[in-house]
Amino acid sequence: MTDSLSTRLAALGITIVLGLALYLALTRTRAGTAIRAVAVDPFAAQLVAINVPQASALTFALGGALVASAGVLVSTFLTFSASSGVVFTMKALI
């Protein structure tokens, strides 16, 4: 097994574990239920005593943590340089 394949498989395994943990957290915990309630109807969630700004901040923090972990996992088998995003930036500006 090559080194690149083993790092890709390790990243896949970690991704599956993170996805499963997020799914279980959103479906089995009180905070996850609050996040899902705010996503469906923030006004109704507020009526049942859910702190909507706090749930929104938690969701934003979870999203940032997932993005950071995805960046770490992708960087294990792809190389990045200072000019790697120039092509995407130019396409976005055009």
PDB file of N, CA and C in Angstrom:
ATOM      1  N   MET A   1       0.852  -1.176   0.000  1.00  0.00           N
ATOM      2  CA  MET A   1       0.000   0.000   0.000  1.00  0.00           C
ATOM      3  C   MET A   1       0.893   1.233   0.000  1.00  0.00           C
ATOM      4  N   THR A   2       0.605   2.147  -0.904  1.00  0.00           N
ATOM      5  CA  THR A   2       1.438   3.340  -0.997  1.00  0.00           C
ATOM      6  C   THR A   2       1.092   4.314   0.120  1.00  0.00           C
ATOM      7  N   ASP A   3       1.988   5.245   0.309  1.00  0.00           N
ATOM      8  CA  ASP A   3       1.800   6.221   1.385  1.00  0.00           C
ATOM      9  C   ASP A   3       0.595   7.110   1.113  1.00  0.00           C
ATOM     10  N   SER A   4       0.412   7.510  -0.131  1.00  0.00           N
ATOM     11  CA  SER A   4      -0.717   8.375  -0.468  1.00  0.00           C
ATOM     12  C   SER A   4      -2.046   7.656  -0.256  1.00  0.00           C
ATOM     13  N   LEU A   5      -2.088   6.384  -0.613  1.00  0.00           N
ATOM     14  CA  LEU A   5      -3.319   5.626  -0.427  1.00  0.00           C
ATOM     15  C   LEU A   5      -3.630   5.433   1.046  1.00  0.00           C
ATOM     16  N   SER A   6      -2.601   5.185   1.847  1.00  0.00           N
ATOM     17  CA  SER A   6      -2.844   4.998   3.283  1.00  0.00           C
ATOM     18  C   SER A   6      -3.310   6.291   3.948  1.00  0.00           C
ATOM     19  N   THR A   7      -2.762   7.434   3.540  1.00  0.00           N
ATOM     20  CA  THR A   7      -3.224   8.696   4.121  1.00  0.00           C
ATOM     21  C   THR A   7      -4.644   9.020   3.668  1.00  0.00           C
ATOM     22  N   ARG A   8      -4.973   8.673   2.438  1.00  0.00           N
ATOM     23  CA  ARG A   8      -6.346   8.900   1.965  1.00  0.00           C
ATOM     24  C   ARG A   8      -7.330   8.005   2.707  1.00  0.00           C
ATOM     25  N   LEU A   9      -6.949   6.764   2.951  1.00  0.00           N
ATOM     26  CA  LEU A   9      -7.822   5.862   3.699  1.00  0.00           C
ATOM     27  C   LEU A   9      -7.971   6.305   5.155  1.00  0.00           C
ATOM     28  N   ALA A  10      -6.892   6.797   5.737  1.00  0.00           N
ATOM     29  CA  ALA A  10      -6.968   7.311   7.105  1.00  0.00           C
ATOM     30  C   ALA A  10      -7.881   8.534   7.162  1.00  0.00           C
ATOM     31  N   ALA A  11      -7.757   9.416   6.173  1.00  0.00           N
ATOM     32  CA  ALA A  11      -8.626  10.589   6.121  1.00  0.00           C
ATOM     33  C   ALA A  11     -10.079  10.176   5.935  1.00  0.00           C
ATOM     34  N   LEU A  12     -10.317   9.165   5.119  1.00  0.00           N
ATOM     35  CA  LEU A  12     -11.674   8.658   4.932  1.00  0.00           C
ATOM     36  C   LEU A  12     -12.231   8.103   6.235  1.00  0.00           C
ATOM     37  N   GLY A  13     -11.426   7.347   6.949  1.00  0.00           N
ATOM     38  CA  GLY A  13     -11.869   6.789   8.223  1.00  0.00           C
ATOM     39  C   GLY A  13     -12.181   7.861   9.248  1.00  0.00           C
ATOM     40  N   ILE A  14     -11.326   8.867   9.338  1.00  0.00           N
ATOM     41  CA  ILE A  14     -11.557   9.965  10.275  1.00  0.00           C
ATOM     42  C   ILE A  14     -12.808  10.740   9.884  1.00  0.00           C
ATOM     43  N   THR A  15     -13.008  10.929   8.582  1.00  0.00           N
ATOM     44  CA  THR A  15     -14.190  11.633   8.106  1.00  0.00           C
ATOM     45  C   THR A  15     -15.463  10.874   8.448  1.00  0.00           C
ATOM     46  N   ILE A  16     -15.445   9.566   8.299  1.00  0.00           N
ATOM     47  CA  ILE A  16     -16.614   8.755   8.643  1.00  0.00           C
ATOM     48  C   ILE A  16     -16.905   8.850  10.139  1.00  0.00           C
ATOM     49  N   VAL A  17     -15.866   8.796  10.948  1.00  0.00           N
ATOM     50  CA  VAL A  17     -16.052   8.909  12.396  1.00  0.00           C
ATOM     51  C   VAL A  17     -16.611  10.281  12.767  1.00  0.00           C
ATOM     52  N   LEU A  18     -16.075  11.353  12.162  1.00  0.00           N
ATOM     53  CA  LEU A  18     -16.578  12.695  12.450  1.00  0.00           C
ATOM     54  C   LEU A  18     -18.024  12.863  11.996  1.00  0.00           C
ATOM     55  N   GLY A  19     -18.353  12.336  10.833  1.00  0.00           N
ATOM     56  CA  GLY A  19     -19.726  12.425  10.343  1.00  0.00           C
ATOM     57  C   GLY A  19     -20.695  11.673  11.225  1.00  0.00           C
ATOM     58  N   LEU A  20     -20.303  10.487  11.650  1.00  0.00           N
ATOM     59  CA  LEU A  20     -21.157   9.699  12.533  1.00  0.00           C
ATOM     60  C   LEU A  20     -21.327  10.385  13.888  1.00  0.00           C
ATOM     61  N   ALA A  21     -20.242  10.953  14.408  1.00  0.00           N
ATOM     62  CA  ALA A  21     -20.325  11.667  15.686  1.00  0.00           C
ATOM     63  C   ALA A  21     -21.234  12.885  15.578  1.00  0.00           C
ATOM     64  N   LEU A  22     -21.145  13.614  14.471  1.00  0.00           N
ATOM     65  CA  LEU A  22     -22.011  14.768  14.277  1.00  0.00           C
ATOM     66  C   LEU A  22     -23.465  14.341  14.148  1.00  0.00           C
ATOM     67  N   TYR A  23     -23.714  13.277  13.414  1.00  0.00           N
ATOM     68  CA  TYR A  23     -25.083  12.775  13.275  1.00  0.00           C
ATOM     69  C   TYR A  23     -25.666  12.376  14.630  1.00  0.00           C
ATOM     70  N   LEU A  24     -24.885  11.632  15.403  1.00  0.00           N
ATOM     71  CA  LEU A  24     -25.366  11.213  16.718  1.00  0.00           C
ATOM     72  C   LEU A  24     -25.573  12.403  17.646  1.00  0.00           C
ATOM     73  N   ALA A  25     -24.679  13.386  17.565  1.00  0.00           N
ATOM     74  CA  ALA A  25     -24.824  14.571  18.411  1.00  0.00           C
ATOM     75  C   ALA A  25     -26.075  15.363  18.043  1.00  0.00           C
ATOM     76  N   LEU A  26     -26.388  15.439  16.764  1.00  0.00           N
ATOM     77  CA  LEU A  26     -27.554  16.207  16.341  1.00  0.00           C
ATOM     78  C   LEU A  26     -28.866  15.480  16.594  1.00  0.00           C
ATOM     79  N   THR A  27     -28.829  14.163  16.654  1.00  0.00           N
ATOM     80  CA  THR A  27     -30.078  13.418  16.825  1.00  0.00           C
ATOM     81  C   THR A  27     -30.298  12.900  18.242  1.00  0.00           C
ATOM     82  N   ARG A  28     -29.265  12.819  19.052  1.00  0.00           N
ATOM     83  CA  ARG A  28     -29.404  12.190  20.370  1.00  0.00           C
ATOM     84  C   ARG A  28     -29.218  13.122  21.557  1.00  0.00           C
ATOM     85  N   THR A  29     -28.789  14.359  21.321  1.00  0.00           N
ATOM     86  CA  THR A  29     -28.543  15.256  22.447  1.00  0.00           C
ATOM     87  C   THR A  29     -29.556  16.397  22.469  1.00  0.00           C
ATOM     88  N   ARG A  30     -29.646  17.012  23.611  1.00  0.00           N
ATOM     89  CA  ARG A  30     -30.562  18.146  23.764  1.00  0.00           C
ATOM     90  C   ARG A  30     -30.109  19.341  22.928  1.00  0.00           C
ATOM     91  N   ALA A  31     -28.804  19.571  22.887  1.00  0.00           N
ATOM     92  CA  ALA A  31     -28.281  20.678  22.084  1.00  0.00           C
ATOM     93  C   ALA A  31     -28.524  20.434  20.592  1.00  0.00           C
ATOM     94  N   GLY A  32     -28.383  19.184  20.168  1.00  0.00           N
ATOM     95  CA  GLY A  32     -28.650  18.859  18.770  1.00  0.00           C
ATOM     96  C   GLY A  32     -30.102  19.062  18.406  1.00  0.00           C
ATOM     97  N   THR A  33     -30.992  18.705  19.321  1.00  0.00           N
ATOM     98  CA  THR A  33     -32.420  18.929  19.086  1.00  0.00           C
ATOM     99  C   THR A  33     -32.710  20.424  19.010  1.00  0.00           C
ATOM    100  N   ALA A  34     -32.063  21.203  19.850  1.00  0.00           N
ATOM    101  CA  ALA A  34     -32.250  22.662  19.816  1.00  0.00           C
ATOM    102  C   ALA A  34     -31.739  23.242  18.502  1.00  0.00           C
ATOM    103  N   ILE A  35     -30.608  22.759  18.025  1.00  0.00           N
ATOM    104  CA  ILE A  35     -30.057  23.236  16.748  1.00  0.00           C
ATOM    105  C   ILE A  35     -31.015  22.912  15.611  1.00  0.00           C
ATOM    106  N   ARG A  36     -31.545  21.706  15.600  1.00  0.00           N
ATOM    107  CA  ARG A  36     -32.476  21.326  14.537  1.00  0.00           C
ATOM    108  C   ARG A  36     -33.772  22.120  14.628  1.00  0.00           C
ATOM    109  N   ALA A  37     -34.233  22.419  15.846  1.00  0.00           N
ATOM    110  CA  ALA A  37     -35.448  23.216  16.009  1.00  0.00           C
ATOM    111  C   ALA A  37     -35.244  24.636  15.501  1.00  0.00           C
ATOM    112  N   VAL A  38     -34.091  25.213  15.790  1.00  0.00           N
ATOM    113  CA  VAL A  38     -33.797  26.564  15.307  1.00  0.00           C
ATOM    114  C   VAL A  38     -33.683  26.576  13.785  1.00  0.00           C
ATOM    115  N   ALA A  39     -33.158  25.510  13.214  1.00  0.00           N
ATOM    116  CA  ALA A  39     -33.043  25.440  11.757  1.00  0.00           C
ATOM    117  C   ALA A  39     -34.410  25.388  11.091  1.00  0.00           C
ATOM    118  N   VAL A  40     -35.373  24.718  11.732  1.00  0.00           N
ATOM    119  CA  VAL A  40     -36.705  24.595  11.148  1.00  0.00           C
ATOM    120  C   VAL A  40     -37.496  25.887  11.315  1.00  0.00           C
ATOM    121  N   ASP A  41     -37.564  26.417  12.531  1.00  0.00           N
ATOM    122  CA  ASP A  41     -38.353  27.626  12.796  1.00  0.00           C
ATOM    123  C   ASP A  41     -37.790  28.347  14.016  1.00  0.00           C
ATOM    124  N   PRO A  42     -36.993  29.386  13.802  1.00  0.00           N
ATOM    125  CA  PRO A  42     -36.382  30.084  14.935  1.00  0.00           C
ATOM    126  C   PRO A  42     -37.404  30.725  15.883  1.00  0.00           C
ATOM    127  N   PHE A  43     -38.492  31.233  15.343  1.00  0.00           N
ATOM    128  CA  PHE A  43     -39.495  31.875  16.207  1.00  0.00           C
ATOM    129  C   PHE A  43     -40.169  30.851  17.117  1.00  0.00           C
ATOM    130  N   ALA A  44     -40.544  29.715  16.555  1.00  0.00           N
ATOM    131  CA  ALA A  44     -41.176  28.673  17.370  1.00  0.00           C
ATOM    132  C   ALA A  44     -40.187  28.097  18.385  1.00  0.00           C
ATOM    133  N   ALA A  45     -38.917  28.000  18.014  1.00  0.00           N
ATOM    134  CA  ALA A  45     -37.906  27.516  18.952  1.00  0.00           C
ATOM    135  C   ALA A  45     -37.761  28.469  20.128  1.00  0.00           C
ATOM    136  N   GLN A  46     -37.864  29.749  19.842  1.00  0.00           N
ATOM    137  CA  GLN A  46     -37.779  30.736  20.919  1.00  0.00           C
ATOM    138  C   GLN A  46     -38.988  30.628  21.852  1.00  0.00           C
ATOM    139  N   LEU A  47     -40.133  30.254  21.318  1.00  0.00           N
ATOM    140  CA  LEU A  47     -41.334  30.120  22.142  1.00  0.00           C
ATOM    141  C   LEU A  47     -41.245  28.960  23.122  1.00  0.00           C
ATOM    142  N   VAL A  48     -40.437  27.950  22.796  1.00  0.00           N
ATOM    143  CA  VAL A  48     -40.284  26.814  23.702  1.00  0.00           C
ATOM    144  C   VAL A  48     -38.984  26.911  24.500  1.00  0.00           C
ATOM    145  N   ALA A  49     -38.530  28.137  24.729  1.00  0.00           N
ATOM    146  CA  ALA A  49     -37.407  28.458  25.613  1.00  0.00           C
ATOM    147  C   ALA A  49     -36.056  27.973  25.115  1.00  0.00           C
ATOM    148  N   ILE A  50     -35.865  28.000  23.815  1.00  0.00           N
ATOM    149  CA  ILE A  50     -34.543  27.712  23.261  1.00  0.00           C
ATOM    150  C   ILE A  50     -33.857  29.041  23.001  1.00  0.00           C
ATOM    151  N   ASN A  51     -32.638  29.168  23.477  1.00  0.00           N
ATOM    152  CA  ASN A  51     -31.856  30.379  23.261  1.00  0.00           C
ATOM    153  C   ASN A  51     -31.348  30.366  21.821  1.00  0.00           C
ATOM    154  N   VAL A  52     -32.041  31.070  20.938  1.00  0.00           N
ATOM    155  CA  VAL A  52     -31.753  31.029  19.506  1.00  0.00           C
ATOM    156  C   VAL A  52     -30.363  31.583  19.179  1.00  0.00           C
ATOM    157  N   PRO A  53     -29.948  32.727  19.735  1.00  0.00           N
ATOM    158  CA  PRO A  53     -28.593  33.201  19.426  1.00  0.00           C
ATOM    159  C   PRO A  53     -27.500  32.222  19.877  1.00  0.00           C
ATOM    160  N   GLN A  54     -27.708  31.590  21.032  1.00  0.00           N
ATOM    161  CA  GLN A  54     -26.712  30.637  21.517  1.00  0.00           C
ATOM    162  C   GLN A  54     -26.668  29.396  20.619  1.00  0.00           C
ATOM    163  N   ALA A  55     -27.822  28.906  20.191  1.00  0.00           N
ATOM    164  CA  ALA A  55     -27.856  27.746  19.299  1.00  0.00           C
ATOM    165  C   ALA A  55     -27.240  28.089  17.941  1.00  0.00           C
ATOM    166  N   SER A  56     -27.488  29.302  17.472  1.00  0.00           N
ATOM    167  CA  SER A  56     -26.898  29.733  16.202  1.00  0.00           C
ATOM    168  C   SER A  56     -25.379  29.855  16.325  1.00  0.00           C
ATOM    169  N   ALA A  57     -24.908  30.379  17.435  1.00  0.00           N
ATOM    170  CA  ALA A  57     -23.461  30.499  17.641  1.00  0.00           C
ATOM    171  C   ALA A  57     -22.810  29.123  17.738  1.00  0.00           C
ATOM    172  N   LEU A  58     -23.470  28.189  18.404  1.00  0.00           N
ATOM    173  CA  LEU A  58     -22.947  26.827  18.492  1.00  0.00           C
ATOM    174  C   LEU A  58     -22.876  26.182  17.117  1.00  0.00           C
ATOM    175  N   THR A  59     -23.902  26.400  16.310  1.00  0.00           N
ATOM    176  CA  THR A  59     -23.915  25.858  14.955  1.00  0.00           C
ATOM    177  C   THR A  59     -22.792  26.443  14.115  1.00  0.00           C
ATOM    178  N   PHE A  60     -22.584  27.747  14.242  1.00  0.00           N
ATOM    179  CA  PHE A  60     -21.499  28.397  13.507  1.00  0.00           C
ATOM    180  C   PHE A  60     -20.145  27.856  13.938  1.00  0.00           C
ATOM    181  N   ALA A  61     -19.979  27.646  15.240  1.00  0.00           N
ATOM    182  CA  ALA A  61     -18.718  27.100  15.753  1.00  0.00           C
ATOM    183  C   ALA A  61     -18.499  25.665  15.272  1.00  0.00           C
ATOM    184  N   LEU A  62     -19.556  24.860  15.263  1.00  0.00           N
ATOM    185  CA  LEU A  62     -19.432  23.493  14.745  1.00  0.00           C
ATOM    186  C   LEU A  62     -19.061  23.488  13.268  1.00  0.00           C
ATOM    187  N   GLY A  63     -19.668  24.392  12.509  1.00  0.00           N
ATOM    188  CA  GLY A  63     -19.324  24.494  11.091  1.00  0.00           C
ATOM    189  C   GLY A  63     -17.868  24.879  10.893  1.00  0.00           C
ATOM    190  N   GLY A  64     -17.389  25.829  11.679  1.00  0.00           N
ATOM    191  CA  GLY A  64     -15.983  26.227  11.595  1.00  0.00           C
ATOM    192  C   GLY A  64     -15.041  25.100  11.977  1.00  0.00           C
ATOM    193  N   ALA A  65     -15.420  24.324  12.994  1.00  0.00           N
ATOM    194  CA  ALA A  65     -14.591  23.188  13.396  1.00  0.00           C
ATOM    195  C   ALA A  65     -14.558  22.124  12.304  1.00  0.00           C
ATOM    196  N   LEU A  66     -15.685  21.902  11.648  1.00  0.00           N
ATOM    197  CA  LEU A  66     -15.710  20.926  10.557  1.00  0.00           C
ATOM    198  C   LEU A  66     -14.866  21.388   9.373  1.00  0.00           C
ATOM    199  N   VAL A  67     -14.919  22.669   9.066  1.00  0.00           N
ATOM    200  CA  VAL A  67     -14.100  23.199   7.977  1.00  0.00           C
ATOM    201  C   VAL A  67     -12.615  23.072   8.308  1.00  0.00           C
ATOM    202  N   ALA A  68     -12.257  23.371   9.545  1.00  0.00           N
ATOM    203  CA  ALA A  68     -10.857  23.258   9.960  1.00  0.00           C
ATOM    204  C   ALA A  68     -10.378  21.815   9.891  1.00  0.00           C
ATOM    205  N   SER A  69     -11.204  20.891  10.362  1.00  0.00           N
ATOM    206  CA  SER A  69     -10.799  19.478  10.304  1.00  0.00           C
ATOM    207  C   SER A  69     -10.726  18.986   8.874  1.00  0.00           C
ATOM    208  N   ALA A  70     -11.616  19.457   8.010  1.00  0.00           N
ATOM    209  CA  ALA A  70     -11.547  19.075   6.596  1.00  0.00           C
ATOM    210  C   ALA A  70     -10.268  19.604   5.965  1.00  0.00           C
ATOM    211  N   GLY A  71      -9.886  20.822   6.298  1.00  0.00           N
ATOM    212  CA  GLY A  71      -8.643  21.375   5.770  1.00  0.00           C
ATOM    213  C   GLY A  71      -7.426  20.590   6.226  1.00  0.00           C
ATOM    214  N   VAL A  72      -7.432  20.180   7.475  1.00  0.00           N
ATOM    215  CA  VAL A  72      -6.314  19.378   7.991  1.00  0.00           C
ATOM    216  C   VAL A  72      -6.255  18.030   7.289  1.00  0.00           C
ATOM    217  N   LEU A  73      -7.406  17.400   7.113  1.00  0.00           N
ATOM    218  CA  LEU A  73      -7.424  16.082   6.478  1.00  0.00           C
ATOM    219  C   LEU A  73      -7.029  16.149   5.007  1.00  0.00           C
ATOM    220  N   VAL A  74      -7.481  17.168   4.303  1.00  0.00           N
ATOM    221  CA  VAL A  74      -7.129  17.296   2.894  1.00  0.00           C
ATOM    222  C   VAL A  74      -5.643  17.631   2.736  1.00  0.00           C
ATOM    223  N   SER A  75      -5.109  18.411   3.661  1.00  0.00           N
ATOM    224  CA  SER A  75      -3.701  18.804   3.547  1.00  0.00           C
ATOM    225  C   SER A  75      -2.744  17.645   3.795  1.00  0.00           C
ATOM    226  N   THR A  76      -3.244  16.511   4.284  1.00  0.00           N
ATOM    227  CA  THR A  76      -2.345  15.380   4.483  1.00  0.00           C
ATOM    228  C   THR A  76      -1.952  14.710   3.175  1.00  0.00           C
ATOM    229  N   PHE A  77      -2.789  14.848   2.129  1.00  0.00           N
ATOM    230  CA  PHE A  77      -2.422  14.198   0.866  1.00  0.00           C
ATOM    231  C   PHE A  77      -2.407  15.146  -0.325  1.00  0.00           C
ATOM    232  N   LEU A  78      -2.751  16.407  -0.149  1.00  0.00           N
ATOM    233  CA  LEU A  78      -2.620  17.405  -1.206  1.00  0.00           C
ATOM    234  C   LEU A  78      -1.656  18.483  -0.748  1.00  0.00           C
ATOM    235  N   THR A  79      -0.874  18.973  -1.665  1.00  0.00           N
ATOM    236  CA  THR A  79       0.070  20.033  -1.328  1.00  0.00           C
ATOM    237  C   THR A  79      -0.569  21.386  -1.602  1.00  0.00           C
ATOM    238  N   PHE A  80      -0.283  22.324  -0.740  1.00  0.00           N
ATOM    239  CA  PHE A  80      -0.784  23.684  -0.893  1.00  0.00           C
ATOM    240  C   PHE A  80       0.399  24.623  -1.020  1.00  0.00           C
ATOM    241  N   SER A  81       0.183  25.679  -1.772  1.00  0.00           N
ATOM    242  CA  SER A  81       1.195  26.729  -1.860  1.00  0.00           C
ATOM    243  C   SER A  81       0.484  28.077  -1.755  1.00  0.00           C
ATOM    244  N   ALA A  82       1.259  29.123  -1.715  1.00  0.00           N
ATOM    245  CA  ALA A  82       0.677  30.450  -1.572  1.00  0.00           C
ATOM    246  C   ALA A  82      -0.119  30.847  -2.807  1.00  0.00           C
ATOM    247  N   SER A  83       0.203  30.283  -3.946  1.00  0.00           N
ATOM    248  CA  SER A  83      -0.485  30.659  -5.183  1.00  0.00           C
ATOM    249  C   SER A  83      -1.526  29.630  -5.624  1.00  0.00           C
ATOM    250  N   SER A  84      -1.873  28.695  -4.774  1.00  0.00           N
ATOM    251  CA  SER A  84      -2.812  27.649  -5.195  1.00  0.00           C
ATOM    252  C   SER A  84      -4.239  28.161  -5.344  1.00  0.00           C
ATOM    253  N   GLY A  85      -4.592  29.235  -4.681  1.00  0.00           N
ATOM    254  CA  GLY A  85      -5.951  29.738  -4.766  1.00  0.00           C
ATOM    255  C   GLY A  85      -6.157  30.830  -5.789  1.00  0.00           C
ATOM    256  N   VAL A  86      -5.100  31.206  -6.516  1.00  0.00           N
ATOM    257  CA  VAL A  86      -5.202  32.310  -7.467  1.00  0.00           C
ATOM    258  C   VAL A  86      -6.176  31.970  -8.596  1.00  0.00           C
ATOM    259  N   VAL A  87      -6.144  30.758  -9.077  1.00  0.00           N
ATOM    260  CA  VAL A  87      -7.026  30.359 -10.171  1.00  0.00           C
ATOM    261  C   VAL A  87      -8.490  30.463  -9.741  1.00  0.00           C
ATOM    262  N   PHE A  88      -8.798  29.980  -8.546  1.00  0.00           N
ATOM    263  CA  PHE A  88     -10.170  30.044  -8.064  1.00  0.00           C
ATOM    264  C   PHE A  88     -10.592  31.485  -7.787  1.00  0.00           C
ATOM    265  N   THR A  89      -9.680  32.293  -7.310  1.00  0.00           N
ATOM    266  CA  THR A  89      -9.986  33.702  -7.055  1.00  0.00           C
ATOM    267  C   THR A  89     -10.289  34.422  -8.344  1.00  0.00           C
ATOM    268  N   MET A  90      -9.516  34.163  -9.374  1.00  0.00           N
ATOM    269  CA  MET A  90      -9.756  34.795 -10.672  1.00  0.00           C
ATOM    270  C   MET A  90     -11.094  34.369 -11.264  1.00  0.00           C
ATOM    271  N   LYS A  91     -11.425  33.082 -11.129  1.00  0.00           N
ATOM    272  CA  LYS A  91     -12.720  32.619 -11.629  1.00  0.00           C
ATOM    273  C   LYS A  91     -13.864  33.267 -10.852  1.00  0.00           C
ATOM    274  N   ALA A  92     -13.683  33.426  -9.550  1.00  0.00           N
ATOM    275  CA  ALA A  92     -14.733  34.050  -8.747  1.00  0.00           C
ATOM    276  C   ALA A  92     -14.890  35.526  -9.093  1.00  0.00           C
ATOM    277  N   LEU A  93     -13.809  36.222  -9.367  1.00  0.00           N
ATOM    278  CA  LEU A  93     -13.887  37.637  -9.703  1.00  0.00           C
ATOM    279  C   LEU A  93     -14.459  37.862 -11.099  1.00  0.00           C
ATOM    280  N   ILE A  94     -14.167  36.947 -12.005  1.00  0.00           N
ATOM    281  CA  ILE A  94     -14.690  37.089 -13.371  1.00  0.00           C
ATOM    282  C   ILE A  94     -16.155  36.795 -13.367  1.00  0.00           C
TER     283      ILE A  94
END
